Amino acid sequence: MKTIVAGRRADTPTDFAELALGTPPELWLGVEGESAEERAARLDAARDILADDPGMTDELVRLAAEAIEASAPELFNIVPLVRPAARRRRGTRAGVAA
């Protein structure tokens, strides 16, 4: 089965992410062994891209959530916490004339 994004073929998940976002995933994730200077330059470039396209933040979060769900779905198995019922205080109200 072929996956086509923006008229281009995505052979790997990395290809798909790059075509879907228009940027290589390494820009957002970094690469192993990068220097502090390379990391600063990469993050600066990422900030510039997000400043030009604020909607990309939502796309990146969605893509990250999908990747987590695909590789570790148990992280999304959440259990809602039950809140105790609010208690009303009984007694006299201050400042009320009798």
PDB file of N, CA and C in Angstrom:
ATOM      1  N   MET A   1       0.841  -1.180   0.000  1.00  0.00           N
ATOM      2  CA  MET A   1       0.000   0.000   0.000  1.00  0.00           C
ATOM      3  C   MET A   1       0.886   1.243   0.000  1.00  0.00           C
ATOM      4  N   LYS A   2       0.582   2.174  -0.868  1.00  0.00           N
ATOM      5  CA  LYS A   2       1.347   3.405  -0.964  1.00  0.00           C
ATOM      6  C   LYS A   2       0.672   4.504  -0.155  1.00  0.00           C
ATOM      7  N   THR A   3       1.489   5.350   0.426  1.00  0.00           N
ATOM      8  CA  THR A   3       0.971   6.525   1.109  1.00  0.00           C
ATOM      9  C   THR A   3       1.465   7.737   0.350  1.00  0.00           C
ATOM     10  N   ILE A   4       0.534   8.543  -0.109  1.00  0.00           N
ATOM     11  CA  ILE A   4       0.870   9.737  -0.873  1.00  0.00           C
ATOM     12  C   ILE A   4       0.487  10.959  -0.045  1.00  0.00           C
ATOM     13  N   VAL A   5       1.437  11.853   0.131  1.00  0.00           N
ATOM     14  CA  VAL A   5       1.195  13.102   0.857  1.00  0.00           C
ATOM     15  C   VAL A   5       1.645  14.233  -0.047  1.00  0.00           C
ATOM     16  N   ALA A   6       0.733  15.161  -0.298  1.00  0.00           N
ATOM     17  CA  ALA A   6       1.035  16.326  -1.139  1.00  0.00           C
ATOM     18  C   ALA A   6       1.655  15.902  -2.476  1.00  0.00           C
ATOM     19  N   GLY A   7       1.128  14.817  -3.055  1.00  0.00           N
ATOM     20  CA  GLY A   7       1.597  14.368  -4.348  1.00  0.00           C
ATOM     21  C   GLY A   7       2.925  13.633  -4.332  1.00  0.00           C
ATOM     22  N   ARG A   8       3.468  13.356  -3.158  1.00  0.00           N
ATOM     23  CA  ARG A   8       4.749  12.654  -3.044  1.00  0.00           C
ATOM     24  C   ARG A   8       4.552  11.357  -2.270  1.00  0.00           C
ATOM     25  N   ARG A   9       5.334  10.373  -2.576  1.00  0.00           N
ATOM     26  CA  ARG A   9       5.230   9.065  -1.938  1.00  0.00           C
ATOM     27  C   ARG A   9       6.027   9.041  -0.629  1.00  0.00           C
ATOM     28  N   ALA A  10       5.383   8.544   0.417  1.00  0.00           N
ATOM     29  CA  ALA A  10       6.035   8.402   1.717  1.00  0.00           C
ATOM     30  C   ALA A  10       6.286   6.915   1.947  1.00  0.00           C
ATOM     31  N   ASP A  11       7.547   6.522   1.923  1.00  0.00           N
ATOM     32  CA  ASP A  11       7.902   5.111   2.089  1.00  0.00           C
ATOM     33  C   ASP A  11       8.095   4.707   3.550  1.00  0.00           C
ATOM     34  N   THR A  12       8.450   5.647   4.384  1.00  0.00           N
ATOM     35  CA  THR A  12       8.720   5.353   5.796  1.00  0.00           C
ATOM     36  C   THR A  12       7.935   6.323   6.675  1.00  0.00           C
ATOM     37  N   PRO A  13       7.774   6.013   7.946  1.00  0.00           N
ATOM     38  CA  PRO A  13       7.118   6.977   8.843  1.00  0.00           C
ATOM     39  C   PRO A  13       7.837   8.327   8.873  1.00  0.00           C
ATOM     40  N   THR A  14       9.161   8.311   8.756  1.00  0.00           N
ATOM     41  CA  THR A  14       9.912   9.566   8.729  1.00  0.00           C
ATOM     42  C   THR A  14       9.576  10.359   7.476  1.00  0.00           C
ATOM     43  N   ASP A  15       9.471   9.688   6.334  1.00  0.00           N
ATOM     44  CA  ASP A  15       9.072  10.366   5.089  1.00  0.00           C
ATOM     45  C   ASP A  15       7.690  10.986   5.253  1.00  0.00           C
ATOM     46  N   PHE A  16       6.778  10.219   5.848  1.00  0.00           N
ATOM     47  CA  PHE A  16       5.416  10.717   6.042  1.00  0.00           C
ATOM     48  C   PHE A  16       5.407  11.967   6.911  1.00  0.00           C
ATOM     49  N   ALA A  17       6.137  11.924   8.020  1.00  0.00           N
ATOM     50  CA  ALA A  17       6.186  13.080   8.922  1.00  0.00           C
ATOM     51  C   ALA A  17       6.771  14.293   8.211  1.00  0.00           C
ATOM     52  N   GLU A  18       7.843  14.073   7.456  1.00  0.00           N
ATOM     53  CA  GLU A  18       8.481  15.190   6.755  1.00  0.00           C
ATOM     54  C   GLU A  18       7.545  15.797   5.712  1.00  0.00           C
ATOM     55  N   LEU A  19       6.850  14.952   4.966  1.00  0.00           N
ATOM     56  CA  LEU A  19       5.929  15.459   3.956  1.00  0.00           C
ATOM     57  C   LEU A  19       4.706  16.125   4.585  1.00  0.00           C
ATOM     58  N   ALA A  20       4.222  15.562   5.674  1.00  0.00           N
ATOM     59  CA  ALA A  20       3.039  16.129   6.328  1.00  0.00           C
ATOM     60  C   ALA A  20       3.344  17.491   6.946  1.00  0.00           C
ATOM     61  N   LEU A  21       4.517  17.626   7.538  1.00  0.00           N
ATOM     62  CA  LEU A  21       4.878  18.876   8.214  1.00  0.00           C
ATOM     63  C   LEU A  21       5.588  19.871   7.313  1.00  0.00           C
ATOM     64  N   GLY A  22       6.214  19.359   6.269  1.00  0.00           N
ATOM     65  CA  GLY A  22       6.977  20.251   5.409  1.00  0.00           C
ATOM     66  C   GLY A  22       8.362  20.534   5.956  1.00  0.00           C
ATOM     67  N   THR A  23       8.739  19.851   7.009  1.00  0.00           N
ATOM     68  CA  THR A  23      10.073  19.998   7.599  1.00  0.00           C
ATOM     69  C   THR A  23      10.556  18.617   8.025  1.00  0.00           C
ATOM     70  N   PRO A  24      11.852  18.427   8.079  1.00  0.00           N
ATOM     71  CA  PRO A  24      12.352  17.125   8.545  1.00  0.00           C
ATOM     72  C   PRO A  24      12.119  16.961  10.042  1.00  0.00           C
ATOM     73  N   PRO A  25      11.765  15.760  10.500  1.00  0.00           N
ATOM     74  CA  PRO A  25      11.534  15.536  11.932  1.00  0.00           C
ATOM     75  C   PRO A  25      12.752  15.873  12.789  1.00  0.00           C
ATOM     76  N   GLU A  26      13.948  15.742  12.212  1.00  0.00           N
ATOM     77  CA  GLU A  26      15.161  16.046  12.975  1.00  0.00           C
ATOM     78  C   GLU A  26      15.191  17.489  13.450  1.00  0.00           C
ATOM     79  N   LEU A  27      14.501  18.374  12.716  1.00  0.00           N
ATOM     80  CA  LEU A  27      14.443  19.773  13.141  1.00  0.00           C
ATOM     81  C   LEU A  27      13.784  19.888  14.509  1.00  0.00           C
ATOM     82  N   TRP A  28      12.786  19.071  14.769  1.00  0.00           N
ATOM     83  CA  TRP A  28      12.036  19.142  16.023  1.00  0.00           C
ATOM     84  C   TRP A  28      12.612  18.209  17.081  1.00  0.00           C
ATOM     85  N   LEU A  29      13.179  17.080  16.644  1.00  0.00           N
ATOM     86  CA  LEU A  29      13.648  16.069  17.584  1.00  0.00           C
ATOM     87  C   LEU A  29      15.143  16.134  17.859  1.00  0.00           C
ATOM     88  N   GLY A  30      15.889  16.742  16.952  1.00  0.00           N
ATOM     89  CA  GLY A  30      17.330  16.776  17.105  1.00  0.00           C
ATOM     90  C   GLY A  30      17.961  15.499  16.598  1.00  0.00           C
ATOM     91  N   VAL A  31      19.273  15.466  16.639  1.00  0.00           N
ATOM     92  CA  VAL A  31      20.012  14.282  16.223  1.00  0.00           C
ATOM     93  C   VAL A  31      21.010  13.926  17.312  1.00  0.00           C
ATOM     94  N   GLU A  32      21.287  12.669  17.416  1.00  0.00           N
ATOM     95  CA  GLU A  32      22.215  12.213  18.433  1.00  0.00           C
ATOM     96  C   GLU A  32      23.604  12.781  18.164  1.00  0.00           C
ATOM     97  N   GLY A  33      24.239  13.260  19.210  1.00  0.00           N
ATOM     98  CA  GLY A  33      25.595  13.772  19.099  1.00  0.00           C
ATOM     99  C   GLY A  33      25.715  15.204  18.628  1.00  0.00           C
ATOM    100  N   GLU A  34      24.589  15.921  18.521  1.00  0.00           N
ATOM    101  CA  GLU A  34      24.704  17.306  18.078  1.00  0.00           C
ATOM    102  C   GLU A  34      25.352  18.159  19.172  1.00  0.00           C
ATOM    103  N   SER A  35      26.101  19.147  18.744  1.00  0.00           N
ATOM    104  CA  SER A  35      26.778  20.018  19.706  1.00  0.00           C
ATOM    105  C   SER A  35      25.783  21.032  20.253  1.00  0.00           C
ATOM    106  N   ALA A  36      26.178  21.723  21.302  1.00  0.00           N
ATOM    107  CA  ALA A  36      25.320  22.759  21.888  1.00  0.00           C
ATOM    108  C   ALA A  36      25.046  23.855  20.867  1.00  0.00           C
ATOM    109  N   GLU A  37      26.047  24.177  20.054  1.00  0.00           N
ATOM    110  CA  GLU A  37      25.880  25.205  19.026  1.00  0.00           C
ATOM    111  C   GLU A  37      24.895  24.742  17.949  1.00  0.00           C
ATOM    112  N   GLU A  38      25.002  23.487  17.527  1.00  0.00           N
ATOM    113  CA  GLU A  38      24.076  22.945  16.531  1.00  0.00           C
ATOM    114  C   GLU A  38      22.659  22.890  17.084  1.00  0.00           C
ATOM    115  N   ARG A  39      22.530  22.506  18.344  1.00  0.00           N
ATOM    116  CA  ARG A  39      21.209  22.444  18.985  1.00  0.00           C
ATOM    117  C   ARG A  39      20.583  23.831  19.048  1.00  0.00           C
ATOM    118  N   ALA A  40      21.374  24.834  19.437  1.00  0.00           N
ATOM    119  CA  ALA A  40      20.860  26.205  19.515  1.00  0.00           C
ATOM    120  C   ALA A  40      20.406  26.689  18.139  1.00  0.00           C
ATOM    121  N   ALA A  41      21.182  26.398  17.104  1.00  0.00           N
ATOM    122  CA  ALA A  41      20.813  26.805  15.741  1.00  0.00           C
ATOM    123  C   ALA A  41      19.540  26.095  15.291  1.00  0.00           C
ATOM    124  N   ARG A  42      19.434  24.793  15.608  1.00  0.00           N
ATOM    125  CA  ARG A  42      18.239  24.026  15.234  1.00  0.00           C
ATOM    126  C   ARG A  42      17.000  24.572  15.921  1.00  0.00           C
ATOM    127  N   LEU A  43      17.102  24.828  17.219  1.00  0.00           N
ATOM    128  CA  LEU A  43      15.955  25.366  17.957  1.00  0.00           C
ATOM    129  C   LEU A  43      15.585  26.767  17.488  1.00  0.00           C
ATOM    130  N   ASP A  44      16.569  27.567  17.123  1.00  0.00           N
ATOM    131  CA  ASP A  44      16.302  28.902  16.600  1.00  0.00           C
ATOM    132  C   ASP A  44      15.540  28.809  15.276  1.00  0.00           C
ATOM    133  N   ALA A  45      15.961  27.885  14.416  1.00  0.00           N
ATOM    134  CA  ALA A  45      15.258  27.690  13.142  1.00  0.00           C
ATOM    135  C   ALA A  45      13.829  27.209  13.385  1.00  0.00           C
ATOM    136  N   ALA A  46      13.647  26.293  14.335  1.00  0.00           N
ATOM    137  CA  ALA A  46      12.303  25.795  14.652  1.00  0.00           C
ATOM    138  C   ALA A  46      11.416  26.922  15.169  1.00  0.00           C
ATOM    139  N   ARG A  47      11.973  27.801  16.016  1.00  0.00           N
ATOM    140  CA  ARG A  47      11.186  28.941  16.516  1.00  0.00           C
ATOM    141  C   ARG A  47      10.761  29.862  15.379  1.00  0.00           C
ATOM    142  N   ASP A  48      11.674  30.092  14.437  1.00  0.00           N
ATOM    143  CA  ASP A  48      11.333  30.938  13.284  1.00  0.00           C
ATOM    144  C   ASP A  48      10.206  30.327  12.470  1.00  0.00           C
ATOM    145  N   ILE A  49      10.251  29.020  12.265  1.00  0.00           N
ATOM    146  CA  ILE A  49       9.198  28.343  11.497  1.00  0.00           C
ATOM    147  C   ILE A  49       7.861  28.445  12.222  1.00  0.00           C
ATOM    148  N   LEU A  50       7.856  28.221  13.529  1.00  0.00           N
ATOM    149  CA  LEU A  50       6.611  28.314  14.292  1.00  0.00           C
ATOM    150  C   LEU A  50       6.081  29.746  14.329  1.00  0.00           C
ATOM    151  N   ALA A  51       6.967  30.728  14.334  1.00  0.00           N
ATOM    152  CA  ALA A  51       6.524  32.127  14.307  1.00  0.00           C
ATOM    153  C   ALA A  51       5.841  32.446  12.980  1.00  0.00           C
ATOM    154  N   ASP A  52       6.347  31.853  11.892  1.00  0.00           N
ATOM    155  CA  ASP A  52       5.737  32.073  10.574  1.00  0.00           C
ATOM    156  C   ASP A  52       4.427  31.317  10.406  1.00  0.00           C
ATOM    157  N   ASP A  53       4.278  30.183  11.098  1.00  0.00           N
ATOM    158  CA  ASP A  53       3.082  29.349  10.960  1.00  0.00           C
ATOM    159  C   ASP A  53       2.649  28.839  12.337  1.00  0.00           C
ATOM    160  N   PRO A  54       1.942  29.679  13.130  1.00  0.00           N
ATOM    161  CA  PRO A  54       1.549  29.264  14.479  1.00  0.00           C
ATOM    162  C   PRO A  54       0.676  28.011  14.502  1.00  0.00           C
ATOM    163  N   GLY A  55      -0.060  27.732  13.450  1.00  0.00           N
ATOM    164  CA  GLY A  55      -0.906  26.544  13.393  1.00  0.00           C
ATOM    165  C   GLY A  55      -0.108  25.256  13.362  1.00  0.00           C
ATOM    166  N   MET A  56       1.175  25.351  13.029  1.00  0.00           N
ATOM    167  CA  MET A  56       2.002  24.159  12.966  1.00  0.00           C
ATOM    168  C   MET A  56       2.168  23.534  14.350  1.00  0.00           C
ATOM    169  N   THR A  57       2.081  24.333  15.397  1.00  0.00           N
ATOM    170  CA  THR A  57       2.210  23.798  16.753  1.00  0.00           C
ATOM    171  C   THR A  57       1.156  22.721  16.989  1.00  0.00           C
ATOM    172  N   ASP A  58      -0.086  23.003  16.613  1.00  0.00           N
ATOM    173  CA  ASP A  58      -1.153  22.017  16.774  1.00  0.00           C
ATOM    174  C   ASP A  58      -0.873  20.768  15.951  1.00  0.00           C
ATOM    175  N   GLU A  59      -0.355  20.948  14.755  1.00  0.00           N
ATOM    176  CA  GLU A  59      -0.042  19.817  13.885  1.00  0.00           C
ATOM    177  C   GLU A  59       1.066  18.959  14.503  1.00  0.00           C
ATOM    178  N   LEU A  60       2.081  19.597  15.073  1.00  0.00           N
ATOM    179  CA  LEU A  60       3.165  18.856  15.704  1.00  0.00           C
ATOM    180  C   LEU A  60       2.666  18.073  16.918  1.00  0.00           C
ATOM    181  N   VAL A  61       1.810  18.689  17.715  1.00  0.00           N
ATOM    182  CA  VAL A  61       1.265  18.006  18.893  1.00  0.00           C
ATOM    183  C   VAL A  61       0.410  16.818  18.457  1.00  0.00           C
ATOM    184  N   ARG A  62      -0.413  17.001  17.428  1.00  0.00           N
ATOM    185  CA  ARG A  62      -1.246  15.915  16.918  1.00  0.00           C
ATOM    186  C   ARG A  62      -0.389  14.768  16.407  1.00  0.00           C
ATOM    187  N   LEU A  63       0.648  15.099  15.657  1.00  0.00           N
ATOM    188  CA  LEU A  63       1.530  14.068  15.119  1.00  0.00           C
ATOM    189  C   LEU A  63       2.250  13.326  16.245  1.00  0.00           C
ATOM    190  N   ALA A  64       2.702  14.047  17.264  1.00  0.00           N
ATOM    191  CA  ALA A  64       3.369  13.405  18.407  1.00  0.00           C
ATOM    192  C   ALA A  64       2.406  12.475  19.137  1.00  0.00           C
ATOM    193  N   ALA A  65       1.170  12.924  19.333  1.00  0.00           N
ATOM    194  CA  ALA A  65       0.172  12.090  20.020  1.00  0.00           C
ATOM    195  C   ALA A  65      -0.121  10.827  19.210  1.00  0.00           C
ATOM    196  N   GLU A  66      -0.207  10.952  17.894  1.00  0.00           N
ATOM    197  CA  GLU A  66      -0.444   9.779  17.057  1.00  0.00           C
ATOM    198  C   GLU A  66       0.733   8.808  17.123  1.00  0.00           C
ATOM    199  N   ALA A  67       1.947   9.346  17.156  1.00  0.00           N
ATOM    200  CA  ALA A  67       3.125   8.485  17.248  1.00  0.00           C
ATOM    201  C   ALA A  67       3.151   7.749  18.578  1.00  0.00           C
ATOM    202  N   ILE A  68       2.813   8.429  19.661  1.00  0.00           N
ATOM    203  CA  ILE A  68       2.769   7.790  20.974  1.00  0.00           C
ATOM    204  C   ILE A  68       1.685   6.725  21.003  1.00  0.00           C
ATOM    205  N   GLU A  69       0.523   7.056  20.464  1.00  0.00           N
ATOM    206  CA  GLU A  69      -0.587   6.097  20.453  1.00  0.00           C
ATOM    207  C   GLU A  69      -0.225   4.847  19.650  1.00  0.00           C
ATOM    208  N   ALA A  70       0.506   5.028  18.551  1.00  0.00           N
ATOM    209  CA  ALA A  70       0.880   3.887  17.716  1.00  0.00           C
ATOM    210  C   ALA A  70       1.954   3.023  18.379  1.00  0.00           C
ATOM    211  N   SER A  71       2.889   3.651  19.094  1.00  0.00           N
ATOM    212  CA  SER A  71       4.008   2.876  19.649  1.00  0.00           C
ATOM    213  C   SER A  71       3.832   2.501  21.112  1.00  0.00           C
ATOM    214  N   ALA A  72       3.053   3.263  21.859  1.00  0.00           N
ATOM    215  CA  ALA A  72       2.854   2.963  23.285  1.00  0.00           C
ATOM    216  C   ALA A  72       1.439   3.357  23.702  1.00  0.00           C
ATOM    217  N   PRO A  73       0.425   2.646  23.183  1.00  0.00           N
ATOM    218  CA  PRO A  73      -0.960   3.038  23.452  1.00  0.00           C
ATOM    219  C   PRO A  73      -1.327   3.006  24.931  1.00  0.00           C
ATOM    220  N   GLU A  74      -0.596   2.226  25.729  1.00  0.00           N
ATOM    221  CA  GLU A  74      -0.921   2.155  27.161  1.00  0.00           C
ATOM    222  C   GLU A  74      -0.742   3.509  27.846  1.00  0.00           C
ATOM    223  N   LEU A  75       0.035   4.404  27.244  1.00  0.00           N
ATOM    224  CA  LEU A  75       0.206   5.735  27.840  1.00  0.00           C
ATOM    225  C   LEU A  75      -1.090   6.550  27.793  1.00  0.00           C
ATOM    226  N   PHE A  76      -1.994   6.170  26.885  1.00  0.00           N
ATOM    227  CA  PHE A  76      -3.268   6.880  26.782  1.00  0.00           C
ATOM    228  C   PHE A  76      -4.400   6.189  27.546  1.00  0.00           C
ATOM    229  N   ASN A  77      -4.107   5.100  28.242  1.00  0.00           N
ATOM    230  CA  ASN A  77      -5.114   4.435  29.068  1.00  0.00           C
ATOM    231  C   ASN A  77      -5.235   5.212  30.376  1.00  0.00           C
ATOM    232  N   ILE A  78      -6.107   6.158  30.377  1.00  0.00           N
ATOM    233  CA  ILE A  78      -6.254   7.002  31.561  1.00  0.00           C
ATOM    234  C   ILE A  78      -7.551   6.668  32.281  1.00  0.00           C
ATOM    235  N   VAL A  79      -7.544   6.860  33.558  1.00  0.00           N
ATOM    236  CA  VAL A  79      -8.711   6.593  34.382  1.00  0.00           C
ATOM    237  C   VAL A  79      -9.131   7.919  35.002  1.00  0.00           C
ATOM    238  N   PRO A  80     -10.369   8.318  34.781  1.00  0.00           N
ATOM    239  CA  PRO A  80     -10.805   9.590  35.378  1.00  0.00           C
ATOM    240  C   PRO A  80     -10.839   9.480  36.897  1.00  0.00           C
ATOM    241  N   LEU A  81     -10.388  10.525  37.527  1.00  0.00           N
ATOM    242  CA  LEU A  81     -10.422  10.571  38.988  1.00  0.00           C
ATOM    243  C   LEU A  81     -11.792  11.030  39.441  1.00  0.00           C
ATOM    244  N   VAL A  82     -12.294  10.402  40.479  1.00  0.00           N
ATOM    245  CA  VAL A  82     -13.600  10.766  41.008  1.00  0.00           C
ATOM    246  C   VAL A  82     -13.389  11.871  42.033  1.00  0.00           C
ATOM    247  N   ARG A  83     -14.104  12.969  41.855  1.00  0.00           N
ATOM    248  CA  ARG A  83     -14.009  14.075  42.800  1.00  0.00           C
ATOM    249  C   ARG A  83     -15.015  13.862  43.910  1.00  0.00           C
ATOM    250  N   PRO A  84     -14.611  14.086  45.123  1.00  0.00           N
ATOM    251  CA  PRO A  84     -15.579  13.979  46.214  1.00  0.00           C
ATOM    252  C   PRO A  84     -16.631  15.087  46.081  1.00  0.00           C
ATOM    253  N   ALA A  85     -17.839  14.763  46.507  1.00  0.00           N
ATOM    254  CA  ALA A  85     -18.918  15.748  46.429  1.00  0.00           C
ATOM    255  C   ALA A  85     -18.565  16.948  47.297  1.00  0.00           C
ATOM    256  N   ALA A  86     -18.920  18.107  46.821  1.00  0.00           N
ATOM    257  CA  ALA A  86     -18.654  19.333  47.585  1.00  0.00           C
ATOM    258  C   ALA A  86     -19.496  19.324  48.857  1.00  0.00           C
ATOM    259  N   ARG A  87     -18.883  19.715  49.930  1.00  0.00           N
ATOM    260  CA  ARG A  87     -19.598  19.748  51.210  1.00  0.00           C
ATOM    261  C   ARG A  87     -20.035  21.161  51.506  1.00  0.00           C
ATOM    262  N   ARG A  88     -21.236  21.261  51.978  1.00  0.00           N
ATOM    263  CA  ARG A  88     -21.754  22.573  52.378  1.00  0.00           C
ATOM    264  C   ARG A  88     -21.527  22.759  53.861  1.00  0.00           C
ATOM    265  N   ARG A  89     -21.141  23.949  54.193  1.00  0.00           N
ATOM    266  CA  ARG A  89     -20.965  24.239  55.614  1.00  0.00           C
ATOM    267  C   ARG A  89     -22.292  24.685  56.191  1.00  0.00           C
ATOM    268  N   ARG A  90     -22.599  24.120  57.317  1.00  0.00           N
ATOM    269  CA  ARG A  90     -23.835  24.494  57.990  1.00  0.00           C
ATOM    270  C   ARG A  90     -23.478  25.416  59.129  1.00  0.00           C
ATOM    271  N   GLY A  91     -24.380  26.253  59.449  1.00  0.00           N
ATOM    272  CA  GLY A  91     -24.144  27.178  60.561  1.00  0.00           C
ATOM    273  C   GLY A  91     -24.809  28.504  60.265  1.00  0.00           C
ATOM    274  N   THR A  92     -24.460  29.461  61.074  1.00  0.00           N
ATOM    275  CA  THR A  92     -25.076  30.779  60.895  1.00  0.00           C
ATOM    276  C   THR A  92     -24.277  31.574  59.901  1.00  0.00           C
ATOM    277  N   ARG A  93     -24.977  32.437  59.253  1.00  0.00           N
ATOM    278  CA  ARG A  93     -24.311  33.331  58.314  1.00  0.00           C
ATOM    279  C   ARG A  93     -23.894  34.582  59.053  1.00  0.00           C
ATOM    280  N   ALA A  94     -22.708  34.993  58.822  1.00  0.00           N
ATOM    281  CA  ALA A  94     -22.207  36.206  59.482  1.00  0.00           C
ATOM    282  C   ALA A  94     -22.886  37.430  58.892  1.00  0.00           C
ATOM    283  N   GLY A  95     -23.206  38.354  59.746  1.00  0.00           N
ATOM    284  CA  GLY A  95     -23.768  39.612  59.288  1.00  0.00           C
ATOM    285  C   GLY A  95     -25.243  39.615  59.040  1.00  0.00           C
ATOM    286  N   VAL A  96     -25.958  38.575  59.462  1.00  0.00           N
ATOM    287  CA  VAL A  96     -27.390  38.518  59.228  1.00  0.00           C
ATOM    288  C   VAL A  96     -28.085  38.964  60.511  1.00  0.00           C
ATOM    289  N   ALA A  97     -28.971  39.947  60.371  1.00  0.00           N
ATOM    290  CA  ALA A  97     -29.705  40.441  61.543  1.00  0.00           C
ATOM    291  C   ALA A  97     -30.809  39.472  61.897  1.00  0.00           C
ATOM    292  N   ALA A  98     -31.061  39.310  63.186  1.00  0.00           N
ATOM    293  CA  ALA A  98     -32.077  38.383  63.654  1.00  0.00           C
ATOM    294  C   ALA A  98     -33.416  39.035  63.738  1.00  0.00           C
TER     295      ALA A  98
END
